Amino acid sequence: MADIQSGGTYTIRNVKSETALDLSGGDNASIIGFNFHGGGNQQWTFEQQGSGKWVVRSTATGKYLDIDGEPGDGTRVIASGNAREWDIWRDQNDQSAFRFFIPDTQQNIDLSDHGNPEPGTPVTLWGTWEGTNQLWRIQPV
Protein backbone atom coordinates (compact mmCIF):
# COMPACT_ATOMS: atom_id res chain seq x y z
CA MET A 1 0.00 0.00 0.00
CA ALA A 2 0.99 3.63 -0.27
CA ASP A 3 2.10 5.60 2.75
CA ILE A 4 -0.43 6.35 5.45
CA GLN A 5 -2.17 9.69 4.95
CA SER A 6 -3.01 11.88 7.93
CA GLY A 7 -6.79 12.06 8.25
CA GLY A 8 -7.23 8.84 6.28
CA THR A 9 -9.42 5.99 7.49
CA TYR A 10 -8.07 2.45 7.28
CA THR A 11 -8.59 -1.12 8.35
CA ILE A 12 -5.72 -2.88 10.12
CA ARG A 13 -5.23 -6.63 9.63
CA ASN A 14 -2.73 -8.94 11.25
CA VAL A 15 -0.28 -10.50 8.78
CA LYS A 16 -0.21 -13.91 10.48
CA SER A 17 -3.89 -14.45 11.33
CA GLU A 18 -5.53 -12.06 8.82
CA THR A 19 -7.87 -11.02 11.63
CA ALA A 20 -8.72 -7.34 12.00
CA LEU A 21 -7.73 -4.97 14.78
CA ASP A 22 -11.18 -4.69 16.36
CA LEU A 23 -12.65 -2.49 19.08
CA SER A 24 -14.72 -5.01 21.03
CA GLY A 25 -18.43 -4.27 21.02
CA GLY A 26 -18.66 -6.05 24.36
CA ASP A 27 -17.06 -3.23 26.34
CA ASN A 28 -16.04 -0.59 23.76
CA ALA A 29 -12.55 -0.64 25.30
CA SER A 30 -10.79 -3.96 24.58
CA ILE A 31 -8.76 -4.23 21.39
CA ILE A 32 -8.91 -7.74 19.98
CA GLY A 33 -8.28 -9.70 16.83
CA PHE A 34 -11.58 -10.55 15.15
CA ASN A 35 -12.83 -11.88 11.83
CA PHE A 36 -12.72 -9.09 9.26
CA HIS A 37 -16.10 -7.52 8.46
CA GLY A 38 -15.09 -3.89 7.84
CA GLY A 39 -17.55 -2.39 10.33
CA GLY A 40 -16.94 0.90 12.11
CA ASN A 41 -15.29 -0.85 15.05
CA GLN A 42 -12.65 -2.12 12.59
CA GLN A 43 -12.05 1.27 10.95
CA TRP A 44 -9.34 3.58 12.25
CA THR A 45 -8.49 7.18 11.39
CA PHE A 46 -4.78 8.02 11.47
CA GLU A 47 -3.75 11.53 12.49
CA GLN A 48 -0.11 12.58 12.23
CA GLN A 49 1.08 14.89 14.97
CA GLY A 50 3.63 17.71 14.70
CA SER A 51 6.18 15.34 16.26
CA GLY A 52 5.81 12.99 13.27
CA LYS A 53 4.17 10.41 15.51
CA TRP A 54 0.61 9.18 15.00
CA VAL A 55 -2.62 8.93 16.97
CA VAL A 56 -5.10 6.30 15.82
CA ARG A 57 -8.82 6.86 16.47
CA SER A 58 -11.77 4.48 16.18
CA THR A 59 -14.35 5.72 13.69
CA ALA A 60 -17.05 3.93 15.72
CA THR A 61 -16.46 5.65 19.06
CA GLY A 62 -13.84 8.37 18.63
CA LYS A 63 -11.65 6.60 21.21
CA TYR A 64 -7.91 6.27 20.58
CA LEU A 65 -5.57 3.29 20.56
CA ASP A 66 -3.93 3.34 23.98
CA ILE A 67 -2.49 0.93 26.53
CA ASP A 68 -3.74 -0.17 29.94
CA GLY A 69 -0.82 0.73 32.20
CA GLU A 70 2.90 1.03 31.56
CA PRO A 71 4.59 -0.29 28.40
CA GLY A 72 5.82 -3.87 28.85
CA ASP A 73 5.39 -7.41 27.58
CA GLY A 74 1.73 -8.36 27.87
CA THR A 75 0.32 -4.86 28.50
CA ARG A 76 -3.16 -4.77 26.96
CA VAL A 77 -3.93 -2.45 24.07
CA ILE A 78 -7.21 -0.65 24.71
CA ALA A 79 -9.31 2.20 23.37
CA SER A 80 -9.60 5.29 25.57
CA GLY A 81 -9.99 9.05 25.49
CA ASN A 82 -6.20 9.41 25.78
CA ALA A 83 -4.69 10.29 22.40
CA ARG A 84 -1.54 8.16 22.79
CA GLU A 85 1.14 8.74 20.18
CA TRP A 86 2.62 5.81 18.26
CA ASP A 87 5.61 5.36 15.99
CA ILE A 88 4.35 3.50 12.92
CA TRP A 89 7.07 2.06 10.69
CA ARG A 90 7.26 -0.31 7.78
CA ASP A 91 8.75 -3.66 8.76
CA GLN A 92 12.37 -4.11 7.72
CA ASN A 93 11.73 -7.54 6.16
CA ASP A 94 8.21 -7.02 4.78
CA GLN A 95 7.80 -3.51 3.40
CA SER A 96 4.06 -4.10 2.82
CA ALA A 97 3.50 -4.46 6.57
CA PHE A 98 3.74 -2.03 9.48
CA ARG A 99 4.70 -2.13 13.15
CA PHE A 100 3.13 0.10 15.81
CA PHE A 101 5.63 1.06 18.55
CA ILE A 102 5.40 2.90 21.82
CA PRO A 103 7.87 5.75 21.09
CA ASP A 104 11.42 5.28 22.37
CA THR A 105 10.83 1.60 23.21
CA GLN A 106 10.96 -1.76 21.46
CA GLN A 107 7.38 -2.47 22.60
CA ASN A 108 5.04 -2.95 19.67
CA ILE A 109 1.48 -4.12 19.08
CA ASP A 110 1.29 -7.92 19.09
CA LEU A 111 -1.61 -10.31 18.44
CA SER A 112 -1.35 -12.56 21.51
CA ASP A 113 -0.65 -16.27 21.62
CA HIS A 114 1.69 -16.04 18.61
CA GLY A 115 -1.06 -14.63 16.40
CA ASN A 116 -3.94 -16.87 17.42
CA PRO A 117 -6.67 -16.44 14.76
CA GLU A 118 -9.46 -17.22 17.26
CA PRO A 119 -11.93 -14.29 17.39
CA GLY A 120 -11.43 -12.31 20.58
CA THR A 121 -7.68 -12.91 20.91
CA PRO A 122 -6.25 -10.01 22.96
CA VAL A 123 -3.96 -7.46 21.37
CA THR A 124 -1.06 -6.55 23.65
CA LEU A 125 2.39 -5.01 23.61
CA TRP A 126 5.44 -7.20 23.27
CA GLY A 127 9.12 -6.65 22.64
CA THR A 128 10.10 -6.72 18.98
CA TRP A 129 10.85 -10.08 17.41
CA GLU A 130 10.48 -11.46 13.87
CA GLY A 131 7.04 -13.00 14.41
CA THR A 132 4.45 -11.99 11.83
CA ASN A 133 1.90 -11.64 14.64
CA GLN A 134 3.52 -8.21 15.22
CA LEU A 135 3.01 -7.13 11.60
CA TRP A 136 -0.09 -5.34 10.35
CA ARG A 137 -1.43 -4.50 6.90
CA ILE A 138 -3.09 -1.10 6.68
CA GLN A 139 -5.68 -0.73 3.92
CA PRO A 140 -7.74 2.35 3.06
CA VAL A 141 -11.49 2.08 3.61
Foldseek 3Di string as FASTA:
>chain_A
DDDADQFFKWFKAQPPQRFTQFQDPVPSKFTAGAHDDPDQRRIWGWHQDPVRWIWIAGSVPRWTFDWDDDDEPPTFTITHNDRQTWHWAQDPVHNQWIWTHRPPFQWTWFQPPLQDNPGGGTIHIYGDDDRSRRIMHIGTD
